[in-house]
Protein backbone atom coordinates (compact mmCIF):
# COMPACT_ATOMS: atom_id res chain seq x y z
CA MET A 1 -0.78 17.59 -11.36
CA THR A 2 -0.59 18.88 -7.80
CA ASP A 3 -3.60 20.68 -6.37
CA PRO A 4 -2.83 24.41 -6.79
CA VAL A 5 -4.35 25.19 -3.36
CA ALA A 6 -2.11 22.72 -1.53
CA PRO A 7 0.73 24.24 0.55
CA ASP A 8 4.10 24.57 -1.15
CA ALA A 9 6.04 21.50 0.02
CA ALA A 10 9.37 23.26 -0.55
CA THR A 11 8.55 26.03 1.95
CA THR A 12 7.01 24.00 4.77
CA ALA A 13 8.78 21.87 7.36
CA ALA A 14 8.83 18.15 6.65
CA PRO A 15 6.29 16.30 8.80
CA THR A 16 7.05 13.25 10.91
CA VAL A 17 4.57 11.09 8.96
CA SER A 18 3.44 11.09 5.35
CA VAL A 19 0.19 9.18 4.83
CA VAL A 20 0.05 7.98 1.22
CA MET A 21 -3.48 7.37 -0.01
CA PRO A 22 -4.10 6.21 -3.60
CA ALA A 23 -7.73 6.88 -4.53
CA TYR A 24 -9.93 5.81 -7.41
CA ASN A 25 -13.70 6.35 -7.63
CA GLY A 26 -14.02 6.64 -3.87
CA ALA A 27 -16.10 9.81 -3.58
CA THR A 28 -18.65 8.23 -1.24
CA LEU A 29 -16.03 6.80 1.15
CA ILE A 30 -12.93 8.99 1.12
CA GLY A 31 -14.53 11.67 3.33
CA ALA A 32 -14.86 9.27 6.26
CA THR A 33 -11.26 8.15 5.77
CA LEU A 34 -9.98 11.73 5.79
CA ALA A 35 -12.08 12.46 8.87
CA SER A 36 -10.45 9.54 10.69
CA LEU A 37 -7.05 11.11 9.96
CA GLN A 38 -8.20 14.53 11.06
CA ALA A 39 -9.12 12.95 14.43
CA GLN A 40 -5.60 11.61 15.07
CA THR A 41 -4.06 12.38 18.46
CA PHE A 42 -0.68 12.64 16.69
CA THR A 43 -0.92 15.73 14.50
CA ASP A 44 2.47 16.13 12.79
CA PHE A 45 1.57 14.49 9.49
CA GLU A 46 0.69 15.18 5.89
CA VAL A 47 -1.75 13.26 3.72
CA ILE A 48 -0.88 12.74 0.07
CA VAL A 49 -4.04 11.81 -1.81
CA VAL A 50 -3.17 10.46 -5.27
CA ASP A 51 -6.32 10.50 -7.38
CA ASP A 52 -5.78 7.92 -10.11
CA HIS A 53 -7.90 9.80 -12.64
CA SER A 54 -11.24 8.93 -11.02
CA THR A 55 -14.41 9.19 -13.08
CA ASP A 56 -16.51 10.28 -10.06
CA ASP A 57 -16.10 13.21 -7.64
CA THR A 58 -13.18 11.76 -5.66
CA LEU A 59 -10.82 14.53 -6.75
CA ALA A 60 -13.32 17.27 -5.91
CA VAL A 61 -14.03 15.82 -2.45
CA ALA A 62 -10.31 15.58 -1.62
CA ARG A 63 -9.54 19.08 -2.89
CA ALA A 64 -12.41 20.57 -0.91
CA TRP A 65 -11.38 18.94 2.37
CA PRO A 66 -10.69 21.71 4.90
CA ASP A 67 -7.28 20.64 6.22
CA PRO A 68 -4.03 22.22 4.98
CA ARG A 69 -2.11 19.00 5.77
CA ILE A 70 -3.77 17.32 2.80
CA ARG A 71 -1.91 17.46 -0.51
CA VAL A 72 -3.85 16.31 -3.56
CA ILE A 73 -2.23 14.94 -6.69
CA GLN A 74 -3.95 13.72 -9.82
CA THR A 75 -2.26 11.28 -12.17
CA PRO A 76 -2.33 12.22 -15.89
CA ALA A 77 -4.09 8.93 -16.68
CA ASN A 78 -5.41 5.93 -14.77
CA GLY A 79 -2.41 3.71 -14.11
CA GLY A 80 -3.55 1.41 -11.30
CA PRO A 81 -2.76 1.22 -7.59
CA VAL A 82 0.96 0.42 -7.85
CA LYS A 83 1.78 3.46 -9.98
CA ALA A 84 -0.44 5.70 -7.86
CA ARG A 85 1.17 4.51 -4.61
CA ASN A 86 4.69 4.87 -6.02
CA HIS A 87 3.85 8.40 -7.16
CA GLY A 88 2.64 9.26 -3.66
CA VAL A 89 5.72 7.81 -1.98
CA ALA A 90 7.94 9.84 -4.32
CA GLN A 91 6.20 12.99 -3.06
CA ALA A 92 6.31 12.00 0.62
CA ARG A 93 8.50 14.14 2.87
CA GLY A 94 7.94 12.38 6.19
CA ARG A 95 10.42 10.50 8.34
CA TYR A 96 7.83 7.72 8.33
CA ILE A 97 5.43 6.72 5.56
CA ALA A 98 2.03 5.27 6.41
CA GLY A 99 -0.13 3.33 3.99
CA LEU A 100 -3.89 3.86 3.88
CA ASP A 101 -6.46 3.03 1.22
CA HIS A 102 -9.17 5.59 0.52
CA ASP A 103 -11.94 3.45 2.06
CA ASP A 104 -10.36 2.35 5.37
CA LEU A 105 -10.63 4.06 8.76
CA CYS A 106 -7.98 4.81 11.40
CA HIS A 107 -8.39 4.70 15.17
CA PRO A 108 -7.45 8.11 16.67
CA ASP A 109 -4.28 6.64 18.26
CA ARG A 110 -3.03 4.82 15.17
CA LEU A 111 -0.27 7.21 14.08
CA ALA A 112 0.82 7.97 17.65
CA ALA A 113 1.25 4.29 18.51
CA GLN A 114 3.23 3.47 15.39
CA VAL A 115 5.50 6.51 15.64
CA ALA A 116 6.26 5.59 19.25
CA TRP A 117 7.09 2.00 18.24
CA LEU A 118 9.42 2.98 15.41
CA ASP A 119 11.11 5.62 17.56
CA ALA A 120 11.76 2.97 20.24
CA ASN A 121 12.81 0.17 17.84
CA PRO A 122 15.32 1.63 15.36
CA ALA A 123 16.19 -1.79 13.86
CA CYS A 124 12.62 -2.32 12.72
CA PRO A 125 11.88 -0.93 9.20
CA LEU A 126 8.12 -1.52 9.34
CA VAL A 127 5.36 -1.85 11.91
CA ALA A 128 1.73 -2.66 11.18
CA THR A 129 -1.29 -2.95 13.49
CA ASN A 130 -4.10 -5.38 14.01
CA VAL A 131 -7.28 -4.73 12.04
CA ALA A 132 -11.03 -5.19 12.26
CA PHE A 133 -13.38 -5.64 9.31
CA LEU A 134 -16.14 -3.18 8.53
CA CYS A 135 -18.97 -4.47 6.34
CA ASP A 136 -22.37 -2.79 5.94
CA GLY A 137 -21.82 -0.81 9.12
CA VAL A 138 -20.97 -3.89 11.20
CA VAL A 139 -17.49 -4.24 12.72
CA SER A 140 -16.20 -7.79 13.13
CA ARG A 141 -12.98 -9.38 14.30
CA SER A 142 -10.48 -10.37 11.65
CA SER A 143 -8.84 -13.78 11.28
CA TYR A 144 -5.38 -12.31 11.92
CA PRO A 145 -3.58 -13.58 15.06
CA VAL A 146 -4.56 -11.84 18.28
CA THR A 147 -0.99 -11.93 19.64
CA THR A 148 2.15 -11.61 17.54
CA SER A 149 5.90 -11.15 17.71
CA PRO A 150 8.38 -10.21 14.98
CA ALA A 151 9.38 -13.90 14.83
CA LEU A 152 5.78 -14.96 14.22
CA ILE A 153 5.31 -12.29 11.54
CA GLY A 154 8.52 -13.48 9.91
CA TRP A 155 7.25 -17.07 9.84
CA LEU A 156 3.77 -16.21 8.62
CA LEU A 157 5.26 -14.22 5.76
CA HIS A 158 6.59 -17.56 4.49
CA ILE A 159 3.10 -19.02 4.14
CA GLU A 160 0.60 -16.14 3.89
CA ASN A 161 0.22 -12.37 4.11
CA PRO A 162 -0.23 -11.54 7.83
CA LEU A 163 -0.47 -7.74 7.42
CA ALA A 164 -3.14 -5.43 6.04
CA TRP A 165 -1.61 -2.68 3.90
CA SER A 166 -3.72 0.11 5.40
CA THR A 167 -2.15 -0.61 8.82
CA VAL A 168 1.48 -0.32 7.71
CA MET A 169 4.01 2.37 8.65
CA ILE A 170 7.52 2.25 7.13
CA ARG A 171 10.69 4.17 7.83
CA GLY A 172 11.07 6.76 5.09
CA ASP A 173 14.71 5.93 4.40
CA ALA A 174 13.89 2.22 4.01
CA ALA A 175 10.97 3.02 1.71
CA ARG A 176 13.02 5.35 -0.47
CA ALA A 177 15.80 2.77 -0.80
CA LEU A 178 13.42 0.45 -2.64
CA ASP A 179 13.56 0.91 -6.40
CA PRO A 180 10.76 0.83 -7.28
CA PHE A 181 8.83 1.15 -4.04
CA SER A 182 6.14 -1.31 -5.23
CA ARG A 183 6.71 -3.64 -8.18
CA HIS A 184 4.02 -3.65 -10.86
CA GLU A 185 4.89 -7.24 -11.83
CA ARG A 186 3.57 -8.28 -8.40
CA LEU A 187 0.30 -6.37 -8.86
CA TYR A 188 -2.36 -7.06 -6.17
CA ALA A 189 0.27 -8.79 -4.05
CA GLU A 190 2.68 -5.85 -4.23
CA ASP A 191 2.36 -5.23 -0.49
CA PHE A 192 3.23 -8.87 0.26
CA ASP A 193 6.22 -8.55 -2.07
CA LEU A 194 7.31 -5.31 -0.41
CA TYR A 195 7.35 -6.87 3.08
CA HIS A 196 9.72 -9.57 1.83
CA ARG A 197 11.95 -6.97 0.22
CA LEU A 198 12.17 -5.18 3.57
CA LEU A 199 12.97 -8.27 5.66
CA PRO A 200 16.72 -8.08 4.91
CA VAL A 201 16.68 -4.57 6.44
CA GLY A 202 15.36 -5.76 9.79
CA PRO A 203 12.52 -7.52 11.60
CA ILE A 204 8.94 -6.58 10.76
CA ALA A 205 6.53 -6.11 13.65
CA ARG A 206 2.83 -5.67 14.28
CA LEU A 207 1.07 -3.90 17.13
CA ASP A 208 -1.64 -6.17 18.48
CA ASP A 209 -4.13 -3.37 19.14
CA VAL A 210 -6.85 -2.97 16.49
CA LEU A 211 -6.06 0.51 15.15
CA VAL A 212 -7.58 0.30 11.65
CA GLN A 213 -10.95 -0.75 10.28
CA TYR A 214 -10.64 -2.44 6.90
CA ARG A 215 -13.75 -1.84 4.82
CA GLN A 216 -15.10 -4.90 2.99
CA HIS A 217 -17.35 -4.24 0.01
CA PRO A 218 -17.94 -5.70 -3.49
CA GLY A 219 -15.75 -3.07 -5.12
CA GLY A 220 -12.70 -3.96 -3.03
CA VAL A 221 -9.55 -5.09 -4.80
CA SER A 222 -9.42 -8.44 -2.99
CA LYS A 223 -12.89 -9.27 -4.36
CA ARG A 224 -12.41 -8.06 -7.94
CA PHE A 225 -8.88 -9.24 -8.67
CA ALA A 226 -8.55 -12.51 -6.75
CA ASP A 227 -7.10 -14.40 -9.73
CA ARG A 228 -4.34 -11.88 -10.37
CA MET A 229 -3.65 -11.69 -6.62
CA ARG A 230 -3.22 -15.48 -6.57
CA VAL A 231 -0.72 -15.45 -9.44
CA SER A 232 1.31 -12.61 -7.95
CA ALA A 233 1.36 -14.16 -4.46
CA ILE A 234 2.62 -17.45 -5.93
CA MET A 235 5.42 -15.53 -7.65
CA VAL A 236 6.40 -13.93 -4.33
CA LEU A 237 6.45 -17.20 -2.37
CA THR A 238 8.23 -19.06 -5.18
CA ASP A 239 11.12 -16.63 -4.81
CA VAL A 240 11.01 -17.00 -1.02
CA HIS A 241 11.13 -20.80 -1.02
CA ARG A 242 13.47 -21.41 -3.95
CA PRO A 243 16.63 -21.60 -1.78
CA ALA A 244 15.14 -24.44 0.29
CA PHE A 245 12.94 -26.21 -2.28
CA GLY A 246 14.70 -25.57 -5.59
CA ASP A 247 12.63 -26.70 -8.57
CA MET A 248 9.77 -27.61 -6.22
CA ALA A 249 9.42 -24.01 -4.98
CA GLU A 250 6.55 -23.06 -7.29
CA GLN A 251 4.59 -26.18 -6.33
CA VAL A 252 5.12 -25.42 -2.64
CA ALA A 253 4.16 -21.77 -3.16
CA THR A 254 0.99 -22.79 -4.98
CA LEU A 255 -0.04 -25.09 -2.13
CA PHE A 256 0.50 -22.32 0.44
CA VAL A 257 -1.31 -19.63 -1.55
CA GLU A 258 -4.31 -21.75 -2.51
CA HIS A 259 -4.91 -23.49 0.80
CA LEU A 260 -3.46 -21.14 3.43
CA MET A 261 -3.93 -17.69 1.91
CA MET A 262 -7.08 -18.23 -0.15
CA GLY A 263 -8.73 -21.01 1.87
CA LYS A 264 -9.37 -23.35 -1.06
CA PRO A 265 -10.42 -26.84 0.16
CA VAL A 266 -7.83 -29.57 -0.30
CA GLY A 267 -9.30 -31.94 -2.87
CA ASP A 268 -7.60 -35.28 -2.20
CA ARG A 269 -5.41 -37.13 0.29
CA ALA A 270 -2.26 -36.84 -1.83
CA THR A 271 -2.54 -33.04 -1.90
CA LEU A 272 -3.14 -32.93 1.85
CA GLY A 273 -0.02 -35.05 2.37
CA ALA A 274 2.03 -32.82 0.08
CA LEU A 275 0.82 -29.71 1.92
CA ALA A 276 1.67 -31.22 5.32
CA ALA A 277 5.16 -32.16 4.14
CA ALA A 278 5.80 -28.75 2.58
CA LEU A 279 4.57 -26.89 5.66
CA ALA A 280 6.71 -29.00 8.00
CA ALA A 281 9.80 -28.56 5.82
CA ALA A 282 9.28 -24.81 5.51
CA GLN A 283 8.87 -24.48 9.27
CA ALA A 284 11.99 -26.55 9.95
CA THR A 285 13.96 -24.36 7.52
CA PHE A 286 12.69 -21.23 9.21
CA PHE A 287 13.69 -22.41 12.70
CA ALA A 288 17.10 -23.56 11.45
CA GLY A 289 17.87 -20.11 10.08
CA ARG A 290 16.60 -17.98 12.95
CA ALA A 291 17.17 -17.82 16.69
CA CYS A 292 13.76 -17.91 18.37
CA THR A 293 12.90 -17.61 22.04
CA PRO A 294 10.79 -20.35 23.66
CA ALA A 295 7.88 -17.88 23.63
CA ASP A 296 8.35 -17.33 19.89
CA VAL A 297 8.43 -21.07 19.24
CA ALA A 298 5.25 -21.62 21.24
CA LEU A 299 3.49 -18.80 19.41
CA ILE A 300 4.58 -20.07 15.99
CA ASP A 301 3.53 -23.61 16.87
CA ARG A 302 0.13 -22.44 18.05
CA GLU A 303 -0.60 -20.31 15.01
CA THR A 304 0.59 -23.02 12.61
CA ALA A 305 -1.65 -25.54 14.38
CA ARG A 306 -4.61 -23.16 13.99
CA ARG A 307 -4.01 -22.99 10.27
CA TRP A 308 -3.71 -26.76 9.93
CA ALA A 309 -6.96 -27.17 11.84
CA ARG A 310 -8.63 -24.76 9.40
CA ILE A 311 -7.30 -26.75 6.45
CA GLN A 312 -8.72 -29.94 7.96
CA ARG A 313 -12.12 -28.41 8.66
CA THR A 314 -12.37 -26.87 5.19
CA ALA A 315 -11.49 -30.13 3.46
CA LEU A 316 -13.93 -32.13 5.56
CA ARG A 317 -16.80 -29.68 5.27
CA SER A 318 -16.42 -29.46 1.50
CA GLY A 319 -16.91 -33.22 1.24
CA ALA A 320 -13.67 -33.59 -0.72
CA LEU A 321 -12.05 -35.69 2.04
CA GLY A 322 -13.39 -38.07 4.63
CA LEU A 323 -12.45 -38.31 8.29
CA ALA A 324 -10.12 -41.27 7.62
CA ASP A 325 -8.20 -39.23 5.02
CA VAL A 326 -7.58 -36.38 7.45
CA VAL A 327 -6.71 -38.52 10.47
CA LYS A 328 -4.09 -40.47 8.52
CA ILE A 329 -2.16 -37.31 7.65
CA PRO A 330 -1.17 -35.60 10.90
CA PHE A 331 0.90 -32.45 10.92
CA GLY A 332 3.33 -31.15 13.44
CA ARG A 333 6.99 -30.55 14.13
CA ARG A 334 5.92 -31.40 17.66
CA LYS A 335 2.64 -31.76 19.48
CA GLN A 336 1.00 -28.44 18.61
CA GLY A 337 -2.58 -28.91 19.68
CA GLY A 338 -5.24 -27.71 17.25
CA ILE A 339 -8.51 -29.29 16.27
CA GLY A 340 -10.03 -32.04 18.44
CA PHE A 341 -11.46 -35.31 17.16
CA GLY A 342 -15.01 -34.23 18.00
CA GLU A 343 -14.74 -31.15 15.81
CA LEU A 344 -13.15 -33.22 13.04
CA ALA A 345 -16.04 -35.66 13.23
CA ALA A 346 -18.60 -32.85 13.11
CA SER A 347 -16.94 -31.34 10.04
CA GLY A 348 -16.82 -34.81 8.49
CA LEU A 349 -20.56 -35.19 8.97
CA VAL A 350 -21.20 -31.90 7.17
CA GLY A 351 -18.99 -33.07 4.31
CA GLY A 352 -20.80 -36.41 4.18
CA VAL A 353 -24.15 -34.67 3.78
CA ARG A 354 -22.72 -32.58 0.95
CA ARG A 355 -21.31 -35.65 -0.81
CA LEU A 356 -24.70 -37.35 -0.54
CA GLY A 357 -26.40 -34.24 -1.89
CA ARG A 358 -24.10 -34.19 -4.88
CA ARG A 359 -24.79 -37.87 -5.61
CA LEU A 360 -28.53 -37.20 -5.47
CA GLY A 361 -28.19 -34.13 -7.66
CA LEU A 362 -29.23 -31.78 -4.85
CA ALA A 363 -26.01 -29.80 -4.69
C-alpha cells in the first residue's frame, strides 16, 4: 500500500526525475542514501521507496523521513528486487527515471549531470555514471574504465556488464515501453538484460565522473546470489551472440561470463585458446556492424587489451597455466598493448609457487 502521509500523486505536478529505490531490510543504511538525495543540487525529483515487506524498521525509517518528495510504498508480500523495482517504475511520474539501491550514495551533482546529458542528447535512452566502491568506510576506485564513449559501452555490453545499476538514469518513455520493465527470468542480471533491451532504442552512454558510491558489504546481492547471477548473465549473452555464433553462442557466453565478468581463472590452454578466438570473433563482428571513429577504435582496443592482460595474470597467478601456455596464445585484432613480459613472468612465478605448494600439500 502507499504511505497515507505521502502527497497525492494525482494532484501534484509531475517531477523531472523519479528515483526508484527498492528496499529490503535496509534500516541501518537507507537513511544515508535518502540524505544523499536530499543534498542534490537538482531538486525537481521524487523518490519512490518500495519496501519489499522488510522484517526490520526499513519501512518506518522511510516513512519518517522529513521530505515531502519521498513516496513510500510497501509490497503486500516479499517478491524480490525485480518485482519491487517494476512496481516502483509503474508508479513513477518523472520524465526521467533514476535507479538507486537503498544502500548506495549519490554525489550532490548526480541528478543534475544526468538530466543535462539526457536533455542534450535526445537519441540516448540511458546514461549512467562512473562509480566508486565504499567498504567499511573506505572509498576505493572501481575497476570500471576511467574513460568511455557510447561505442565502448556498446562493445563492453557484449562481454560484461560495464554499468552499475545505482548510477543509471533512463528516459521515462523508453522505460515505460518495456513490458515488463525488468524480466524476472533474468533475476540478478536483470539490469544487464535491460541495457540490451534498450540498445535498439539508441546508444547507451556513461558519464566518466564518479557520481555514485556503491556500498560493498556481505549482505549485497552480488555476494549472496553469485550463482544465479552467473546463470542469468549467460542467458543474456547467449541471446546477444546467437546471431553470430549460432549453436556455439551459449559456450561463448559462458566463457565471457566466467572469465571476463566473474574473473574465474582459465584452467587450461585449450580454454584460453577458445576464449581468445571467441573474443576476437565477437570484436570483429561488433566492428563490422557499427561505424566507429578512430578514437572509439583505440579506446575499445585499449580496454579489450586490459581485460586480456587480466585474464593472463589471473591464470598465471592461480598456477593453472604456465608462462609458455600464455605466451603461445596471443590475442589481438591488432597490436593492442597490454601486459608486458616482465609482469607475465612475475605472475608466472607466483603461480609456480602455488603449484609447488599444492604438490607438497601446503595449499
